[in-house]
Amino acid sequence: MEVVADSAFWTRATELRAHSGTIPADTLEPLFAGRGPPALRLLDLADNYVRTAGVERLAAAAWAGSLTWLALSRNYLDDGALVALAGGRFGSLRTLHLAHNNLDQDRSAGEVVTDAGALALAESASLANLRVLTLSYTGVTDRCVGPLLNAPRWRLSGLGLAGCDLSASP
């Protein structure tokens, strides 16, 4: 990632996909440091090892506010990562993929997205433009579905909840 961060590409990038790169958070640090690409719209970091520390660094990146599409699925995230996203500079974000951050993933104890993290997203003023949210295969339960659907600051048009701990309708 140092090569990418030092390249002319990074200054003009609109998309970066590093899906399934098994990249740890500290390897991404060169991307998060500095001014970064002012026009970056899409960042796909799904299926890596970003963890909460990496999401916190991403949320603090100077260029994070330009993102409209972000994939952090299968990254060993917990509720702290979602709190960082909720409080970050993601005012332009329209699509957020957080699937497969659950107890079935091979990880250290406690790395799971639950209702607490999902509710932090729903209550975030900085995510007012969010339209698509994927929380499939996380620890989300029935408790937060209503608040997600009726969050006062956003108007979701897509919500992924497959494989969550939802009860069957009577």
N, C-alpha and C. Protein backbone atom coordinates (compact mmCIF):
# COMPACT_ATOMS: atom_id res chain seq x y z
N MET A 1 0.81 -1.20 0.00
CA MET A 1 0.00 0.00 0.00
C MET A 1 0.86 1.27 0.00
N GLU A 2 2.10 1.13 0.43
CA GLU A 2 3.00 2.29 0.36
C GLU A 2 3.19 2.73 -1.08
N VAL A 3 3.32 1.77 -1.99
CA VAL A 3 3.51 2.10 -3.40
C VAL A 3 2.28 2.83 -3.93
N VAL A 4 1.10 2.35 -3.58
CA VAL A 4 -0.14 3.01 -4.01
C VAL A 4 -0.20 4.43 -3.46
N ALA A 5 0.06 4.59 -2.16
CA ALA A 5 -0.05 5.90 -1.52
C ALA A 5 0.95 6.90 -2.09
N ASP A 6 2.09 6.43 -2.58
CA ASP A 6 3.12 7.32 -3.15
C ASP A 6 2.98 7.53 -4.65
N SER A 7 1.95 6.95 -5.25
CA SER A 7 1.83 7.00 -6.71
C SER A 7 0.99 8.20 -7.19
N ALA A 8 1.16 8.53 -8.45
CA ALA A 8 0.32 9.54 -9.08
C ALA A 8 -1.13 9.05 -9.14
N PHE A 9 -1.31 7.74 -9.25
CA PHE A 9 -2.66 7.17 -9.26
C PHE A 9 -3.44 7.62 -8.02
N TRP A 10 -2.81 7.55 -6.85
CA TRP A 10 -3.52 7.84 -5.61
C TRP A 10 -4.02 9.27 -5.55
N THR A 11 -3.35 10.18 -6.22
CA THR A 11 -3.80 11.59 -6.20
C THR A 11 -5.02 11.81 -7.09
N ARG A 12 -5.26 10.92 -8.05
CA ARG A 12 -6.40 11.08 -8.96
C ARG A 12 -7.42 9.94 -8.88
N ALA A 13 -7.21 9.01 -7.97
CA ALA A 13 -8.06 7.81 -7.87
C ALA A 13 -9.51 8.17 -7.56
N THR A 14 -10.41 7.45 -8.20
CA THR A 14 -11.83 7.54 -7.88
C THR A 14 -12.33 6.23 -7.29
N GLU A 15 -11.60 5.15 -7.53
CA GLU A 15 -11.95 3.83 -6.99
C GLU A 15 -10.69 3.09 -6.58
N LEU A 16 -10.80 2.35 -5.47
CA LEU A 16 -9.74 1.43 -5.07
C LEU A 16 -10.42 0.18 -4.54
N ARG A 17 -10.09 -0.93 -5.16
CA ARG A 17 -10.62 -2.22 -4.73
C ARG A 17 -9.46 -3.10 -4.28
N ALA A 18 -9.52 -3.50 -3.02
CA ALA A 18 -8.52 -4.41 -2.46
C ALA A 18 -9.25 -5.55 -1.76
N HIS A 19 -10.30 -6.03 -2.40
CA HIS A 19 -11.14 -7.11 -1.88
C HIS A 19 -10.33 -8.39 -1.78
N SER A 20 -10.50 -9.09 -0.67
CA SER A 20 -9.86 -10.40 -0.44
C SER A 20 -8.34 -10.33 -0.50
N GLY A 21 -7.78 -9.25 -0.02
CA GLY A 21 -6.34 -9.10 -0.04
C GLY A 21 -5.67 -9.59 1.23
N THR A 22 -6.45 -10.03 2.20
CA THR A 22 -5.95 -10.42 3.52
C THR A 22 -4.98 -9.36 4.07
N ILE A 23 -5.38 -8.11 3.93
CA ILE A 23 -4.56 -6.97 4.31
C ILE A 23 -4.86 -6.58 5.75
N PRO A 24 -3.83 -6.52 6.61
CA PRO A 24 -4.05 -6.05 7.98
C PRO A 24 -4.12 -4.52 8.04
N ALA A 25 -4.72 -4.00 9.09
CA ALA A 25 -4.95 -2.55 9.22
C ALA A 25 -3.66 -1.75 9.13
N ASP A 26 -2.60 -2.21 9.74
CA ASP A 26 -1.38 -1.40 9.74
C ASP A 26 -0.78 -1.26 8.34
N THR A 27 -1.05 -2.21 7.45
CA THR A 27 -0.58 -2.11 6.08
C THR A 27 -1.32 -1.00 5.33
N LEU A 28 -2.53 -0.68 5.75
CA LEU A 28 -3.32 0.36 5.10
C LEU A 28 -2.95 1.77 5.56
N GLU A 29 -2.15 1.88 6.60
CA GLU A 29 -1.81 3.19 7.17
C GLU A 29 -1.32 4.21 6.14
N PRO A 30 -0.47 3.84 5.18
CA PRO A 30 -0.04 4.85 4.20
C PRO A 30 -1.19 5.46 3.41
N LEU A 31 -2.24 4.69 3.19
CA LEU A 31 -3.41 5.23 2.48
C LEU A 31 -4.17 6.23 3.33
N PHE A 32 -4.24 5.96 4.63
CA PHE A 32 -5.02 6.81 5.52
C PHE A 32 -4.29 8.10 5.86
N ALA A 33 -2.98 8.10 5.79
CA ALA A 33 -2.19 9.28 6.13
C ALA A 33 -2.19 10.27 4.95
N GLY A 34 -1.97 11.50 5.23
CA GLY A 34 -1.85 12.50 4.18
C GLY A 34 -3.20 12.92 3.62
N ARG A 35 -3.11 13.71 2.57
CA ARG A 35 -4.33 14.28 1.98
C ARG A 35 -5.14 13.26 1.20
N GLY A 36 -4.47 12.31 0.59
CA GLY A 36 -5.18 11.27 -0.15
C GLY A 36 -5.87 11.80 -1.39
N PRO A 37 -6.65 10.96 -2.04
CA PRO A 37 -7.32 11.35 -3.28
C PRO A 37 -8.62 12.11 -3.00
N PRO A 38 -8.72 13.35 -3.42
CA PRO A 38 -9.93 14.12 -3.14
C PRO A 38 -11.18 13.62 -3.87
N ALA A 39 -10.99 12.80 -4.90
CA ALA A 39 -12.13 12.33 -5.68
C ALA A 39 -12.44 10.85 -5.47
N LEU A 40 -11.86 10.22 -4.44
CA LEU A 40 -12.12 8.80 -4.21
C LEU A 40 -13.58 8.61 -3.81
N ARG A 41 -14.30 7.82 -4.58
CA ARG A 41 -15.72 7.58 -4.33
C ARG A 41 -15.98 6.17 -3.84
N LEU A 42 -15.21 5.20 -4.30
CA LEU A 42 -15.45 3.80 -3.99
C LEU A 42 -14.21 3.20 -3.33
N LEU A 43 -14.42 2.56 -2.17
CA LEU A 43 -13.33 1.87 -1.48
C LEU A 43 -13.84 0.50 -1.08
N ASP A 44 -13.24 -0.54 -1.65
CA ASP A 44 -13.62 -1.92 -1.35
C ASP A 44 -12.48 -2.59 -0.59
N LEU A 45 -12.66 -2.71 0.72
CA LEU A 45 -11.69 -3.37 1.59
C LEU A 45 -12.27 -4.65 2.18
N ALA A 46 -13.29 -5.20 1.55
CA ALA A 46 -13.94 -6.40 2.06
C ALA A 46 -12.97 -7.58 2.11
N ASP A 47 -13.20 -8.45 3.10
CA ASP A 47 -12.46 -9.69 3.25
C ASP A 47 -10.97 -9.45 3.48
N ASN A 48 -10.69 -8.62 4.48
CA ASN A 48 -9.33 -8.32 4.90
C ASN A 48 -9.25 -8.43 6.42
N TYR A 49 -8.31 -7.76 7.01
CA TYR A 49 -8.13 -7.76 8.46
C TYR A 49 -8.09 -6.32 8.97
N VAL A 50 -9.05 -5.51 8.54
CA VAL A 50 -9.07 -4.09 8.88
C VAL A 50 -9.30 -3.89 10.37
N ARG A 51 -10.19 -4.66 10.94
CA ARG A 51 -10.52 -4.58 12.37
C ARG A 51 -10.92 -3.16 12.77
N THR A 52 -11.31 -2.99 14.01
CA THR A 52 -11.78 -1.70 14.50
C THR A 52 -10.71 -0.63 14.42
N ALA A 53 -9.48 -0.97 14.73
CA ALA A 53 -8.40 0.02 14.67
C ALA A 53 -8.25 0.59 13.26
N GLY A 54 -8.40 -0.23 12.24
CA GLY A 54 -8.32 0.23 10.86
C GLY A 54 -9.48 1.12 10.49
N VAL A 55 -10.68 0.77 10.96
CA VAL A 55 -11.86 1.60 10.68
C VAL A 55 -11.71 2.97 11.35
N GLU A 56 -11.16 2.98 12.55
CA GLU A 56 -10.94 4.26 13.23
C GLU A 56 -9.96 5.14 12.44
N ARG A 57 -8.93 4.54 11.88
CA ARG A 57 -7.98 5.31 11.06
C ARG A 57 -8.63 5.77 9.75
N LEU A 58 -9.44 4.90 9.16
CA LEU A 58 -10.17 5.28 7.95
C LEU A 58 -11.10 6.44 8.23
N ALA A 59 -11.83 6.38 9.34
CA ALA A 59 -12.77 7.45 9.68
C ALA A 59 -12.07 8.78 9.89
N ALA A 60 -10.81 8.76 10.25
CA ALA A 60 -10.06 9.99 10.48
C ALA A 60 -9.32 10.47 9.22
N ALA A 61 -9.32 9.68 8.16
CA ALA A 61 -8.60 10.05 6.93
C ALA A 61 -9.20 11.32 6.33
N ALA A 62 -8.34 12.20 5.87
CA ALA A 62 -8.77 13.48 5.32
C ALA A 62 -9.71 13.32 4.13
N TRP A 63 -9.56 12.25 3.37
CA TRP A 63 -10.33 12.05 2.15
C TRP A 63 -11.59 11.21 2.36
N ALA A 64 -11.85 10.75 3.57
CA ALA A 64 -12.99 9.85 3.82
C ALA A 64 -14.33 10.48 3.45
N GLY A 65 -14.42 11.77 3.53
CA GLY A 65 -15.68 12.45 3.23
C GLY A 65 -16.12 12.38 1.79
N SER A 66 -15.23 12.01 0.89
CA SER A 66 -15.61 11.92 -0.53
C SER A 66 -16.22 10.56 -0.88
N LEU A 67 -16.09 9.57 -0.01
CA LEU A 67 -16.59 8.22 -0.31
C LEU A 67 -18.11 8.19 -0.42
N THR A 68 -18.60 7.51 -1.45
CA THR A 68 -20.04 7.27 -1.60
C THR A 68 -20.35 5.79 -1.45
N TRP A 69 -19.34 4.92 -1.58
CA TRP A 69 -19.52 3.46 -1.54
C TRP A 69 -18.36 2.87 -0.75
N LEU A 70 -18.69 2.09 0.29
CA LEU A 70 -17.65 1.52 1.15
C LEU A 70 -18.01 0.09 1.52
N ALA A 71 -17.08 -0.83 1.29
CA ALA A 71 -17.28 -2.23 1.65
C ALA A 71 -16.25 -2.62 2.70
N LEU A 72 -16.76 -3.02 3.87
CA LEU A 72 -15.92 -3.48 4.99
C LEU A 72 -16.41 -4.84 5.48
N SER A 73 -17.06 -5.58 4.61
CA SER A 73 -17.55 -6.91 4.98
C SER A 73 -16.38 -7.83 5.32
N ARG A 74 -16.63 -8.76 6.23
CA ARG A 74 -15.67 -9.80 6.63
C ARG A 74 -14.29 -9.19 6.97
N ASN A 75 -14.32 -8.33 7.99
CA ASN A 75 -13.11 -7.64 8.39
C ASN A 75 -12.86 -7.69 9.89
N TYR A 76 -13.49 -8.64 10.58
CA TYR A 76 -13.28 -8.79 12.02
C TYR A 76 -13.65 -7.52 12.77
N LEU A 77 -14.78 -6.95 12.41
CA LEU A 77 -15.24 -5.71 13.03
C LEU A 77 -16.10 -5.99 14.24
N ASP A 78 -16.21 -5.00 15.11
CA ASP A 78 -17.11 -5.06 16.25
C ASP A 78 -17.90 -3.75 16.31
N ASP A 79 -18.67 -3.58 17.35
CA ASP A 79 -19.50 -2.39 17.47
C ASP A 79 -18.68 -1.11 17.52
N GLY A 80 -17.47 -1.18 18.05
CA GLY A 80 -16.60 -0.01 18.08
C GLY A 80 -16.29 0.51 16.68
N ALA A 81 -16.17 -0.38 15.72
CA ALA A 81 -15.93 0.02 14.33
C ALA A 81 -17.13 0.79 13.79
N LEU A 82 -18.35 0.33 14.12
CA LEU A 82 -19.54 1.02 13.64
C LEU A 82 -19.71 2.38 14.31
N VAL A 83 -19.32 2.47 15.57
CA VAL A 83 -19.34 3.77 16.26
C VAL A 83 -18.37 4.73 15.57
N ALA A 84 -17.21 4.23 15.16
CA ALA A 84 -16.25 5.07 14.43
C ALA A 84 -16.82 5.53 13.09
N LEU A 85 -17.52 4.65 12.39
CA LEU A 85 -18.16 5.02 11.13
C LEU A 85 -19.25 6.07 11.36
N ALA A 86 -20.02 5.88 12.43
CA ALA A 86 -21.12 6.80 12.74
C ALA A 86 -20.61 8.18 13.09
N GLY A 87 -19.45 8.27 13.70
CA GLY A 87 -18.92 9.56 14.11
C GLY A 87 -17.89 10.13 13.15
N GLY A 88 -17.64 9.43 12.07
CA GLY A 88 -16.61 9.84 11.12
C GLY A 88 -17.10 10.88 10.14
N ARG A 89 -16.32 11.05 9.10
CA ARG A 89 -16.61 12.06 8.10
C ARG A 89 -17.20 11.43 6.84
N PHE A 90 -18.29 10.73 6.99
CA PHE A 90 -18.87 9.98 5.87
C PHE A 90 -20.18 10.59 5.38
N GLY A 91 -20.23 11.89 5.30
CA GLY A 91 -21.45 12.59 4.90
C GLY A 91 -21.92 12.31 3.49
N SER A 92 -21.05 11.84 2.62
CA SER A 92 -21.43 11.53 1.23
C SER A 92 -21.76 10.06 1.02
N LEU A 93 -21.55 9.25 2.04
CA LEU A 93 -21.71 7.80 1.90
C LEU A 93 -23.16 7.43 1.61
N ARG A 94 -23.36 6.66 0.53
CA ARG A 94 -24.69 6.19 0.15
C ARG A 94 -24.82 4.68 0.30
N THR A 95 -23.72 3.95 0.19
CA THR A 95 -23.75 2.48 0.28
C THR A 95 -22.67 2.03 1.25
N LEU A 96 -23.08 1.17 2.22
CA LEU A 96 -22.16 0.67 3.23
C LEU A 96 -22.39 -0.83 3.42
N HIS A 97 -21.37 -1.62 3.13
CA HIS A 97 -21.46 -3.07 3.26
C HIS A 97 -20.64 -3.52 4.48
N LEU A 98 -21.33 -4.14 5.44
CA LEU A 98 -20.72 -4.60 6.69
C LEU A 98 -21.02 -6.06 6.98
N ALA A 99 -21.42 -6.81 5.98
CA ALA A 99 -21.82 -8.21 6.17
C ALA A 99 -20.67 -9.08 6.65
N HIS A 100 -21.04 -10.22 7.24
CA HIS A 100 -20.10 -11.27 7.66
C HIS A 100 -19.11 -10.81 8.73
N ASN A 101 -19.52 -9.93 9.59
CA ASN A 101 -18.74 -9.59 10.77
C ASN A 101 -19.49 -10.18 11.96
N ASN A 102 -19.36 -11.50 12.10
CA ASN A 102 -20.21 -12.23 13.06
C ASN A 102 -19.42 -13.25 13.87
N LEU A 103 -20.14 -13.94 14.72
CA LEU A 103 -19.52 -14.93 15.61
C LEU A 103 -19.03 -16.18 14.89
N ASP A 104 -19.48 -16.41 13.67
CA ASP A 104 -19.07 -17.60 12.93
C ASP A 104 -17.72 -17.43 12.25
N GLN A 105 -17.25 -16.21 12.20
CA GLN A 105 -15.97 -15.93 11.56
C GLN A 105 -14.85 -16.32 12.52
N ASP A 106 -13.77 -16.84 12.00
CA ASP A 106 -12.63 -17.23 12.83
C ASP A 106 -11.94 -15.97 13.33
N ARG A 107 -12.11 -15.65 14.62
CA ARG A 107 -11.59 -14.41 15.16
C ARG A 107 -11.36 -14.49 16.66
N SER A 108 -10.82 -13.42 17.20
CA SER A 108 -10.69 -13.29 18.64
C SER A 108 -12.06 -13.05 19.24
N ALA A 109 -12.21 -13.37 20.51
CA ALA A 109 -13.49 -13.19 21.19
C ALA A 109 -13.92 -11.73 21.12
N GLY A 110 -15.21 -11.52 20.88
CA GLY A 110 -15.78 -10.19 20.92
C GLY A 110 -15.82 -9.44 19.61
N GLU A 111 -15.22 -9.95 18.54
CA GLU A 111 -15.24 -9.24 17.26
C GLU A 111 -16.52 -9.63 16.52
N VAL A 112 -17.56 -8.88 16.83
CA VAL A 112 -18.87 -9.13 16.21
C VAL A 112 -19.66 -7.83 16.18
N VAL A 113 -20.39 -7.62 15.12
CA VAL A 113 -21.29 -6.48 15.00
C VAL A 113 -22.63 -6.90 15.58
N THR A 114 -23.14 -6.10 16.52
CA THR A 114 -24.41 -6.39 17.17
C THR A 114 -25.37 -5.22 17.02
N ASP A 115 -26.49 -5.32 17.72
CA ASP A 115 -27.48 -4.24 17.70
C ASP A 115 -26.89 -2.90 18.11
N ALA A 116 -26.00 -2.89 19.08
CA ALA A 116 -25.42 -1.64 19.56
C ALA A 116 -24.72 -0.87 18.43
N GLY A 117 -23.95 -1.57 17.63
CA GLY A 117 -23.28 -0.92 16.51
C GLY A 117 -24.24 -0.46 15.44
N ALA A 118 -25.22 -1.32 15.12
CA ALA A 118 -26.21 -0.95 14.10
C ALA A 118 -27.03 0.26 14.55
N LEU A 119 -27.38 0.32 15.82
CA LEU A 119 -28.13 1.47 16.33
C LEU A 119 -27.29 2.74 16.31
N ALA A 120 -25.99 2.64 16.52
CA ALA A 120 -25.12 3.81 16.41
C ALA A 120 -25.16 4.37 14.99
N LEU A 121 -25.19 3.49 14.00
CA LEU A 121 -25.30 3.95 12.61
C LEU A 121 -26.63 4.66 12.38
N ALA A 122 -27.72 4.06 12.87
CA ALA A 122 -29.06 4.63 12.66
C ALA A 122 -29.20 6.00 13.31
N GLU A 123 -28.48 6.24 14.39
CA GLU A 123 -28.58 7.50 15.12
C GLU A 123 -27.59 8.56 14.63
N SER A 124 -26.77 8.23 13.66
CA SER A 124 -25.71 9.12 13.22
C SER A 124 -26.21 10.22 12.29
N ALA A 125 -25.92 11.45 12.66
CA ALA A 125 -26.26 12.59 11.81
C ALA A 125 -25.37 12.63 10.57
N SER A 126 -24.14 12.11 10.68
CA SER A 126 -23.21 12.18 9.55
C SER A 126 -23.53 11.17 8.45
N LEU A 127 -24.43 10.23 8.70
CA LEU A 127 -24.79 9.23 7.69
C LEU A 127 -26.15 9.51 7.06
N ALA A 128 -26.55 10.75 7.02
CA ALA A 128 -27.88 11.12 6.52
C ALA A 128 -28.10 10.73 5.07
N ASN A 129 -27.05 10.61 4.27
CA ASN A 129 -27.20 10.26 2.86
C ASN A 129 -27.16 8.77 2.58
N LEU A 130 -27.00 7.96 3.62
CA LEU A 130 -26.93 6.52 3.44
C LEU A 130 -28.25 5.98 2.89
N ARG A 131 -28.17 5.17 1.83
CA ARG A 131 -29.36 4.60 1.22
C ARG A 131 -29.35 3.07 1.24
N VAL A 132 -28.17 2.45 1.21
CA VAL A 132 -28.06 0.99 1.19
C VAL A 132 -27.11 0.57 2.31
N LEU A 133 -27.61 -0.33 3.17
CA LEU A 133 -26.84 -0.83 4.29
C LEU A 133 -26.95 -2.35 4.33
N THR A 134 -25.82 -3.03 4.35
CA THR A 134 -25.80 -4.49 4.41
C THR A 134 -25.19 -4.91 5.74
N LEU A 135 -26.00 -5.58 6.54
CA LEU A 135 -25.58 -6.12 7.84
C LEU A 135 -25.77 -7.64 7.90
N SER A 136 -25.91 -8.27 6.75
CA SER A 136 -26.14 -9.71 6.69
C SER A 136 -25.03 -10.47 7.41
N TYR A 137 -25.43 -11.57 8.06
CA TYR A 137 -24.51 -12.45 8.78
C TYR A 137 -23.69 -11.70 9.84
N THR A 138 -24.42 -10.89 10.60
CA THR A 138 -23.85 -10.24 11.78
C THR A 138 -24.69 -10.66 12.98
N GLY A 139 -24.41 -10.11 14.14
CA GLY A 139 -25.16 -10.43 15.35
C GLY A 139 -26.37 -9.55 15.56
N VAL A 140 -26.86 -8.92 14.51
CA VAL A 140 -28.03 -8.05 14.60
C VAL A 140 -29.28 -8.87 14.87
N THR A 141 -30.17 -8.35 15.73
CA THR A 141 -31.41 -9.04 16.09
C THR A 141 -32.63 -8.20 15.73
N ASP A 142 -33.80 -8.74 16.04
CA ASP A 142 -35.07 -8.04 15.80
C ASP A 142 -35.10 -6.65 16.44
N ARG A 143 -34.42 -6.52 17.56
CA ARG A 143 -34.46 -5.30 18.34
C ARG A 143 -34.12 -4.04 17.54
N CYS A 144 -33.23 -4.16 16.57
CA CYS A 144 -32.81 -2.94 15.87
C CYS A 144 -33.39 -2.80 14.46
N VAL A 145 -34.20 -3.73 13.99
CA VAL A 145 -34.74 -3.61 12.64
C VAL A 145 -35.63 -2.38 12.52
N GLY A 146 -36.53 -2.17 13.45
CA GLY A 146 -37.40 -0.99 13.41
C GLY A 146 -36.62 0.31 13.42
N PRO A 147 -35.67 0.48 14.35
CA PRO A 147 -34.87 1.71 14.34
C PRO A 147 -34.06 1.90 13.04
N LEU A 148 -33.59 0.82 12.43
CA LEU A 148 -32.87 0.95 11.17
C LEU A 148 -33.81 1.43 10.05
N LEU A 149 -34.98 0.84 10.01
CA LEU A 149 -35.94 1.20 8.96
C LEU A 149 -36.52 2.59 9.14
N ASN A 150 -36.61 3.04 10.37
CA ASN A 150 -37.27 4.31 10.67
C ASN A 150 -36.32 5.37 11.21
N ALA A 151 -35.04 5.24 10.97
CA ALA A 151 -34.08 6.23 11.45
C ALA A 151 -34.47 7.61 10.92
N PRO A 152 -34.51 8.60 11.79
CA PRO A 152 -35.00 9.91 11.38
C PRO A 152 -34.10 10.66 10.41
N ARG A 153 -32.83 10.30 10.32
CA ARG A 153 -31.90 11.08 9.50
C ARG A 153 -31.63 10.49 8.12
N TRP A 154 -32.03 9.27 7.87
CA TRP A 154 -31.78 8.70 6.56
C TRP A 154 -33.04 8.10 5.97
N ARG A 155 -32.97 7.79 4.69
CA ARG A 155 -34.08 7.16 3.98
C ARG A 155 -33.52 5.95 3.24
N LEU A 156 -33.33 4.86 3.98
CA LEU A 156 -32.79 3.65 3.36
C LEU A 156 -33.71 3.16 2.26
N SER A 157 -33.11 2.72 1.17
CA SER A 157 -33.87 2.08 0.09
C SER A 157 -33.45 0.63 -0.07
N GLY A 158 -32.40 0.23 0.65
CA GLY A 158 -31.94 -1.15 0.62
C GLY A 158 -31.33 -1.53 1.96
N LEU A 159 -31.71 -2.72 2.46
CA LEU A 159 -31.20 -3.20 3.73
C LEU A 159 -30.98 -4.70 3.64
N GLY A 160 -29.75 -5.15 3.93
CA GLY A 160 -29.43 -6.57 3.91
C GLY A 160 -29.35 -7.12 5.32
N LEU A 161 -30.19 -8.11 5.63
CA LEU A 161 -30.23 -8.72 6.96
C LEU A 161 -30.20 -10.25 6.91
N ALA A 162 -29.79 -10.83 5.79
CA ALA A 162 -29.76 -12.29 5.66
C ALA A 162 -28.82 -12.88 6.71
N GLY A 163 -29.21 -13.99 7.29
CA GLY A 163 -28.36 -14.70 8.22
C GLY A 163 -28.20 -14.05 9.58
N CYS A 164 -29.00 -13.03 9.87
CA CYS A 164 -28.94 -12.40 11.19
C CYS A 164 -29.81 -13.16 12.17
N ASP A 165 -29.77 -12.79 13.42
CA ASP A 165 -30.53 -13.48 14.46
C ASP A 165 -31.94 -12.88 14.55
N LEU A 166 -32.71 -13.06 13.50
CA LEU A 166 -34.07 -12.54 13.43
C LEU A 166 -35.06 -13.65 13.69
N SER A 167 -36.12 -13.34 14.41
CA SER A 167 -37.14 -14.35 14.69
C SER A 167 -38.09 -14.48 13.52
N ALA A 168 -38.73 -15.63 13.43
CA ALA A 168 -39.72 -15.87 12.38
C ALA A 168 -41.00 -15.13 12.72
N SER A 169 -41.71 -14.69 11.70
CA SER A 169 -43.00 -14.02 11.92
C SER A 169 -44.02 -15.04 12.40
N PRO A 170 -44.93 -14.62 13.31
CA PRO A 170 -45.97 -15.56 13.78
C PRO A 170 -46.98 -15.86 12.71
